[in-house]
Amino acid sequence: MAHFAKLDSNNIVQQIVVINNAVLLDSEGNEVEQLGIDFCKSLYGQDTKWIQTSYNGNFRKQYASIGCFYHDKNDIFVGPQPFQSWSIDENFDWQPPKPYPTDGKLYKWNEEALTWDEIIIE
């Protein structure tokens, strides 16, 4: 099955649809993304914007999900910013202002304090 992401005017993923791989095959049996885009537009409107995504993350960095951003210059999907204080690195991964502790304990990010708070499981 082929997966396609519907993008809004800001390249934010609004919807994911799954279509049969046969829709993408040209007359020579080659998969062609544009055929899938054309199929999605025939169902959802010619004014919609679609791009293929890989369920296994084989291309475009990662599988698109609702709220992701499609970075067309680099042809990748970038997940939503998890917290206001986090920034994106050169690999287009979100990074906290402080690295996750490496002491083997579990932590959650505290945005107000800008710290990693230990998760205590009782």
N, C-alpha and C. Protein backbone atom coordinates (compact mmCIF):
# COMPACT_ATOMS: atom_id res chain seq x y z
N MET A 1 0.84 -1.18 0.00
CA MET A 1 0.00 0.00 0.00
C MET A 1 0.88 1.24 0.00
N ALA A 2 0.42 2.28 -0.67
CA ALA A 2 1.14 3.54 -0.75
C ALA A 2 0.45 4.56 0.16
N HIS A 3 1.23 5.40 0.79
CA HIS A 3 0.72 6.39 1.73
C HIS A 3 1.01 7.78 1.19
N PHE A 4 -0.01 8.65 1.26
CA PHE A 4 0.13 10.02 0.79
C PHE A 4 -0.35 10.98 1.86
N ALA A 5 0.41 12.08 1.98
CA ALA A 5 0.09 13.12 2.96
C ALA A 5 -0.52 14.31 2.25
N LYS A 6 -1.63 14.78 2.78
CA LYS A 6 -2.27 16.00 2.27
C LYS A 6 -1.68 17.17 3.06
N LEU A 7 -1.20 18.18 2.32
CA LEU A 7 -0.56 19.35 2.93
C LEU A 7 -1.44 20.58 2.79
N ASP A 8 -1.38 21.45 3.81
CA ASP A 8 -2.07 22.73 3.68
C ASP A 8 -1.14 23.74 3.00
N SER A 9 -1.55 24.98 2.93
CA SER A 9 -0.76 25.99 2.23
C SER A 9 0.57 26.30 2.91
N ASN A 10 0.73 25.87 4.16
CA ASN A 10 1.99 26.06 4.89
C ASN A 10 2.81 24.78 4.96
N ASN A 11 2.43 23.78 4.16
CA ASN A 11 3.11 22.47 4.11
C ASN A 11 2.99 21.68 5.41
N ILE A 12 1.91 21.91 6.15
CA ILE A 12 1.62 21.14 7.35
C ILE A 12 0.70 19.98 6.95
N VAL A 13 1.05 18.77 7.41
CA VAL A 13 0.26 17.58 7.07
C VAL A 13 -1.10 17.66 7.77
N GLN A 14 -2.14 17.53 6.96
CA GLN A 14 -3.52 17.58 7.44
C GLN A 14 -4.19 16.21 7.48
N GLN A 15 -3.72 15.30 6.63
CA GLN A 15 -4.38 14.01 6.48
C GLN A 15 -3.41 13.03 5.84
N ILE A 16 -3.57 11.76 6.16
CA ILE A 16 -2.82 10.68 5.51
C ILE A 16 -3.83 9.74 4.89
N VAL A 17 -3.60 9.37 3.64
CA VAL A 17 -4.46 8.39 2.99
C VAL A 17 -3.60 7.23 2.49
N VAL A 18 -4.22 6.07 2.41
CA VAL A 18 -3.56 4.86 1.92
C VAL A 18 -4.25 4.45 0.63
N ILE A 19 -3.45 4.22 -0.41
CA ILE A 19 -4.02 3.79 -1.69
C ILE A 19 -3.30 2.54 -2.17
N ASN A 20 -3.94 1.81 -3.02
CA ASN A 20 -3.38 0.58 -3.57
C ASN A 20 -2.16 0.91 -4.43
N ASN A 21 -1.11 0.12 -4.29
CA ASN A 21 0.11 0.34 -5.07
C ASN A 21 -0.14 0.33 -6.57
N ALA A 22 -1.14 -0.41 -7.00
CA ALA A 22 -1.43 -0.51 -8.43
C ALA A 22 -1.74 0.85 -9.04
N VAL A 23 -2.26 1.76 -8.24
CA VAL A 23 -2.58 3.11 -8.73
C VAL A 23 -1.32 3.84 -9.18
N LEU A 24 -0.17 3.51 -8.60
CA LEU A 24 1.08 4.20 -8.89
C LEU A 24 1.82 3.63 -10.09
N LEU A 25 1.35 2.53 -10.66
CA LEU A 25 2.09 1.86 -11.73
C LEU A 25 1.80 2.49 -13.09
N ASP A 26 2.89 2.79 -13.81
CA ASP A 26 2.74 3.30 -15.17
C ASP A 26 2.58 2.12 -16.13
N SER A 27 2.54 2.40 -17.41
CA SER A 27 2.31 1.35 -18.41
C SER A 27 3.43 0.32 -18.45
N GLU A 28 4.60 0.65 -17.90
CA GLU A 28 5.72 -0.28 -17.89
C GLU A 28 5.89 -0.96 -16.52
N GLY A 29 4.94 -0.71 -15.62
CA GLY A 29 5.00 -1.35 -14.31
C GLY A 29 5.88 -0.65 -13.28
N ASN A 30 6.29 0.57 -13.57
CA ASN A 30 7.12 1.33 -12.63
C ASN A 30 6.24 2.19 -11.73
N GLU A 31 6.60 2.28 -10.44
CA GLU A 31 5.86 3.15 -9.54
C GLU A 31 6.21 4.61 -9.83
N VAL A 32 5.17 5.43 -9.96
CA VAL A 32 5.33 6.84 -10.25
C VAL A 32 4.51 7.63 -9.23
N GLU A 33 5.20 8.40 -8.41
CA GLU A 33 4.52 9.17 -7.37
C GLU A 33 3.43 10.06 -7.93
N GLN A 34 3.69 10.70 -9.05
CA GLN A 34 2.72 11.63 -9.63
C GLN A 34 1.38 10.97 -9.90
N LEU A 35 1.39 9.69 -10.26
CA LEU A 35 0.13 8.98 -10.50
C LEU A 35 -0.68 8.89 -9.19
N GLY A 36 -0.01 8.69 -8.09
CA GLY A 36 -0.69 8.67 -6.79
C GLY A 36 -1.22 10.05 -6.43
N ILE A 37 -0.43 11.07 -6.71
CA ILE A 37 -0.88 12.44 -6.45
C ILE A 37 -2.12 12.76 -7.27
N ASP A 38 -2.07 12.39 -8.55
CA ASP A 38 -3.21 12.63 -9.43
C ASP A 38 -4.45 11.90 -8.93
N PHE A 39 -4.27 10.67 -8.44
CA PHE A 39 -5.40 9.89 -7.91
C PHE A 39 -5.99 10.58 -6.69
N CYS A 40 -5.12 11.03 -5.77
CA CYS A 40 -5.61 11.72 -4.56
C CYS A 40 -6.37 12.98 -4.93
N LYS A 41 -5.86 13.73 -5.89
CA LYS A 41 -6.52 14.95 -6.33
C LYS A 41 -7.88 14.65 -6.96
N SER A 42 -7.98 13.50 -7.65
CA SER A 42 -9.26 13.14 -8.27
C SER A 42 -10.31 12.84 -7.20
N LEU A 43 -9.85 12.39 -6.04
CA LEU A 43 -10.78 12.08 -4.94
C LEU A 43 -11.08 13.28 -4.04
N TYR A 44 -10.07 14.11 -3.79
CA TYR A 44 -10.19 15.16 -2.78
C TYR A 44 -10.17 16.58 -3.34
N GLY A 45 -10.00 16.70 -4.65
CA GLY A 45 -10.04 18.03 -5.27
C GLY A 45 -8.72 18.40 -5.91
N GLN A 46 -8.81 19.02 -7.07
CA GLN A 46 -7.61 19.40 -7.82
C GLN A 46 -6.80 20.49 -7.13
N ASP A 47 -7.42 21.21 -6.21
CA ASP A 47 -6.71 22.29 -5.52
C ASP A 47 -5.99 21.80 -4.26
N THR A 48 -5.98 20.48 -4.02
CA THR A 48 -5.29 19.92 -2.86
C THR A 48 -3.84 19.61 -3.20
N LYS A 49 -3.00 19.54 -2.17
CA LYS A 49 -1.58 19.28 -2.36
C LYS A 49 -1.22 17.97 -1.65
N TRP A 50 -0.60 17.04 -2.38
CA TRP A 50 -0.27 15.71 -1.86
C TRP A 50 1.19 15.38 -2.10
N ILE A 51 1.73 14.58 -1.22
CA ILE A 51 3.10 14.07 -1.40
C ILE A 51 3.18 12.69 -0.76
N GLN A 52 3.92 11.81 -1.38
CA GLN A 52 4.03 10.45 -0.88
C GLN A 52 4.91 10.41 0.36
N THR A 53 4.57 9.53 1.29
CA THR A 53 5.35 9.32 2.49
C THR A 53 5.61 7.83 2.64
N SER A 54 6.67 7.48 3.31
CA SER A 54 7.04 6.08 3.47
C SER A 54 6.69 5.60 4.87
N TYR A 55 5.83 4.60 4.94
CA TYR A 55 5.42 4.03 6.22
C TYR A 55 6.63 3.51 7.00
N ASN A 56 7.63 3.01 6.28
CA ASN A 56 8.84 2.48 6.91
C ASN A 56 9.94 3.52 7.06
N GLY A 57 9.66 4.75 6.67
CA GLY A 57 10.66 5.81 6.75
C GLY A 57 11.80 5.61 5.76
N ASN A 58 11.53 4.94 4.64
CA ASN A 58 12.57 4.67 3.65
C ASN A 58 12.96 5.90 2.84
N PHE A 59 12.11 6.90 2.82
CA PHE A 59 12.46 8.14 2.13
C PHE A 59 11.74 9.29 2.82
N ARG A 60 12.23 10.49 2.58
CA ARG A 60 11.72 11.73 3.17
C ARG A 60 11.85 11.74 4.69
N LYS A 61 12.93 11.15 5.16
CA LYS A 61 13.38 11.13 6.56
C LYS A 61 12.50 10.28 7.47
N GLN A 62 11.22 10.55 7.49
CA GLN A 62 10.33 9.82 8.39
C GLN A 62 8.92 9.78 7.82
N TYR A 63 8.13 8.88 8.37
CA TYR A 63 6.73 8.78 7.97
C TYR A 63 6.01 10.04 8.41
N ALA A 64 5.24 10.61 7.53
CA ALA A 64 4.47 11.81 7.86
C ALA A 64 3.34 11.47 8.82
N SER A 65 3.05 12.40 9.70
CA SER A 65 1.88 12.28 10.56
C SER A 65 1.21 13.64 10.60
N ILE A 66 -0.02 13.66 11.02
CA ILE A 66 -0.76 14.91 11.08
C ILE A 66 -0.01 15.89 11.99
N GLY A 67 0.19 17.09 11.48
CA GLY A 67 0.92 18.11 12.22
C GLY A 67 2.37 18.23 11.82
N CYS A 68 2.90 17.24 11.09
CA CYS A 68 4.28 17.32 10.60
C CYS A 68 4.39 18.44 9.57
N PHE A 69 5.61 18.88 9.36
CA PHE A 69 5.91 19.89 8.35
C PHE A 69 6.68 19.24 7.23
N TYR A 70 6.28 19.50 5.99
CA TYR A 70 7.04 19.03 4.84
C TYR A 70 8.00 20.13 4.42
N HIS A 71 9.28 19.85 4.52
CA HIS A 71 10.33 20.80 4.15
C HIS A 71 10.70 20.51 2.70
N ASP A 72 10.10 21.27 1.79
CA ASP A 72 10.26 20.95 0.37
C ASP A 72 11.69 21.15 -0.13
N LYS A 73 12.44 22.10 0.42
CA LYS A 73 13.82 22.32 -0.02
C LYS A 73 14.66 21.06 0.21
N ASN A 74 14.44 20.39 1.34
CA ASN A 74 15.21 19.18 1.67
C ASN A 74 14.43 17.89 1.42
N ASP A 75 13.18 18.02 0.96
CA ASP A 75 12.34 16.88 0.62
C ASP A 75 12.21 15.89 1.78
N ILE A 76 11.88 16.44 2.97
CA ILE A 76 11.73 15.61 4.16
C ILE A 76 10.52 16.06 4.98
N PHE A 77 10.04 15.15 5.81
CA PHE A 77 9.01 15.49 6.79
C PHE A 77 9.70 15.71 8.14
N VAL A 78 9.28 16.76 8.83
CA VAL A 78 9.81 17.09 10.14
C VAL A 78 8.65 17.09 11.12
N GLY A 79 8.83 16.39 12.24
CA GLY A 79 7.77 16.32 13.25
C GLY A 79 7.48 17.68 13.86
N PRO A 80 6.31 17.82 14.49
CA PRO A 80 5.98 19.08 15.13
C PRO A 80 6.94 19.38 16.28
N GLN A 81 7.16 20.64 16.55
CA GLN A 81 8.03 21.04 17.64
C GLN A 81 7.42 20.58 18.96
N PRO A 82 8.14 19.74 19.73
CA PRO A 82 7.55 19.18 20.95
C PRO A 82 7.34 20.21 22.05
N PHE A 83 8.26 21.17 22.16
CA PHE A 83 8.17 22.22 23.17
C PHE A 83 8.74 23.51 22.58
N GLN A 84 8.27 24.64 23.08
CA GLN A 84 8.69 25.95 22.58
C GLN A 84 10.20 26.15 22.68
N SER A 85 10.82 25.60 23.71
CA SER A 85 12.26 25.82 23.93
C SER A 85 13.16 24.95 23.06
N TRP A 86 12.60 23.94 22.41
CA TRP A 86 13.42 23.03 21.62
C TRP A 86 13.74 23.66 20.27
N SER A 87 14.90 23.33 19.74
CA SER A 87 15.31 23.84 18.43
C SER A 87 15.66 22.66 17.52
N ILE A 88 15.67 22.97 16.25
CA ILE A 88 15.93 21.92 15.27
C ILE A 88 17.43 21.92 14.92
N ASP A 89 18.01 20.72 14.80
CA ASP A 89 19.44 20.63 14.52
C ASP A 89 19.69 20.47 13.01
N GLU A 90 20.93 20.27 12.66
CA GLU A 90 21.31 20.15 11.24
C GLU A 90 20.75 18.91 10.56
N ASN A 91 20.30 17.93 11.36
CA ASN A 91 19.66 16.72 10.81
C ASN A 91 18.14 16.82 10.80
N PHE A 92 17.63 17.99 11.14
CA PHE A 92 16.19 18.24 11.21
C PHE A 92 15.51 17.40 12.30
N ASP A 93 16.22 17.23 13.41
CA ASP A 93 15.67 16.58 14.60
C ASP A 93 15.54 17.64 15.69
N TRP A 94 14.45 17.56 16.45
CA TRP A 94 14.24 18.51 17.54
C TRP A 94 15.14 18.16 18.72
N GLN A 95 15.79 19.17 19.27
CA GLN A 95 16.70 18.97 20.40
C GLN A 95 16.31 19.87 21.56
N PRO A 96 16.35 19.33 22.78
CA PRO A 96 16.06 20.15 23.95
C PRO A 96 17.24 21.07 24.27
N PRO A 97 17.01 22.10 25.07
CA PRO A 97 18.12 22.98 25.44
C PRO A 97 19.17 22.28 26.30
N LYS A 98 18.76 21.20 26.97
CA LYS A 98 19.69 20.41 27.78
C LYS A 98 19.56 18.96 27.34
N PRO A 99 20.67 18.25 27.20
CA PRO A 99 20.59 16.85 26.77
C PRO A 99 19.89 15.96 27.80
N TYR A 100 19.29 14.90 27.30
CA TYR A 100 18.64 13.91 28.16
C TYR A 100 19.71 13.26 29.03
N PRO A 101 19.44 13.12 30.35
CA PRO A 101 20.42 12.49 31.24
C PRO A 101 20.75 11.05 30.81
N THR A 102 21.96 10.65 31.05
CA THR A 102 22.42 9.33 30.62
C THR A 102 22.68 8.39 31.80
N ASP A 103 21.96 8.61 32.90
CA ASP A 103 22.18 7.79 34.09
C ASP A 103 21.28 6.55 34.15
N GLY A 104 20.52 6.30 33.08
CA GLY A 104 19.68 5.10 33.03
C GLY A 104 18.30 5.28 33.64
N LYS A 105 18.01 6.42 34.24
CA LYS A 105 16.70 6.68 34.83
C LYS A 105 15.77 7.25 33.76
N LEU A 106 14.47 7.27 34.06
CA LEU A 106 13.48 7.84 33.14
C LEU A 106 13.21 9.28 33.51
N TYR A 107 13.07 10.12 32.47
CA TYR A 107 12.84 11.54 32.68
C TYR A 107 11.77 12.05 31.73
N LYS A 108 11.13 13.15 32.12
CA LYS A 108 10.22 13.87 31.22
C LYS A 108 10.66 15.33 31.21
N TRP A 109 10.42 15.99 30.09
CA TRP A 109 10.84 17.37 29.94
C TRP A 109 9.89 18.30 30.69
N ASN A 110 10.44 19.21 31.47
CA ASN A 110 9.69 20.23 32.19
C ASN A 110 9.94 21.55 31.47
N GLU A 111 8.97 22.00 30.70
CA GLU A 111 9.13 23.20 29.89
C GLU A 111 9.25 24.47 30.74
N GLU A 112 8.53 24.53 31.84
CA GLU A 112 8.60 25.73 32.68
C GLU A 112 9.99 25.92 33.29
N ALA A 113 10.57 24.84 33.79
CA ALA A 113 11.88 24.92 34.44
C ALA A 113 13.03 24.68 33.46
N LEU A 114 12.70 24.25 32.26
CA LEU A 114 13.71 23.89 31.26
C LEU A 114 14.69 22.86 31.80
N THR A 115 14.12 21.82 32.40
CA THR A 115 14.92 20.74 32.99
C THR A 115 14.26 19.39 32.68
N TRP A 116 15.06 18.36 32.87
CA TRP A 116 14.54 16.99 32.79
C TRP A 116 14.17 16.58 34.22
N ASP A 117 12.90 16.22 34.44
CA ASP A 117 12.43 15.78 35.75
C ASP A 117 12.36 14.26 35.75
N GLU A 118 12.93 13.67 36.79
CA GLU A 118 12.92 12.21 36.90
C GLU A 118 11.50 11.72 37.09
N ILE A 119 11.18 10.62 36.42
CA ILE A 119 9.88 9.96 36.58
C ILE A 119 10.06 8.90 37.66
N ILE A 120 9.30 9.05 38.73
CA ILE A 120 9.36 8.11 39.84
C ILE A 120 8.21 7.11 39.68
N ILE A 121 8.54 5.87 39.53
CA ILE A 121 7.52 4.82 39.41
C ILE A 121 7.47 4.07 40.75
N GLU A 122 6.32 4.12 41.36
CA GLU A 122 6.18 3.46 42.69
C GLU A 122 5.43 2.18 42.56
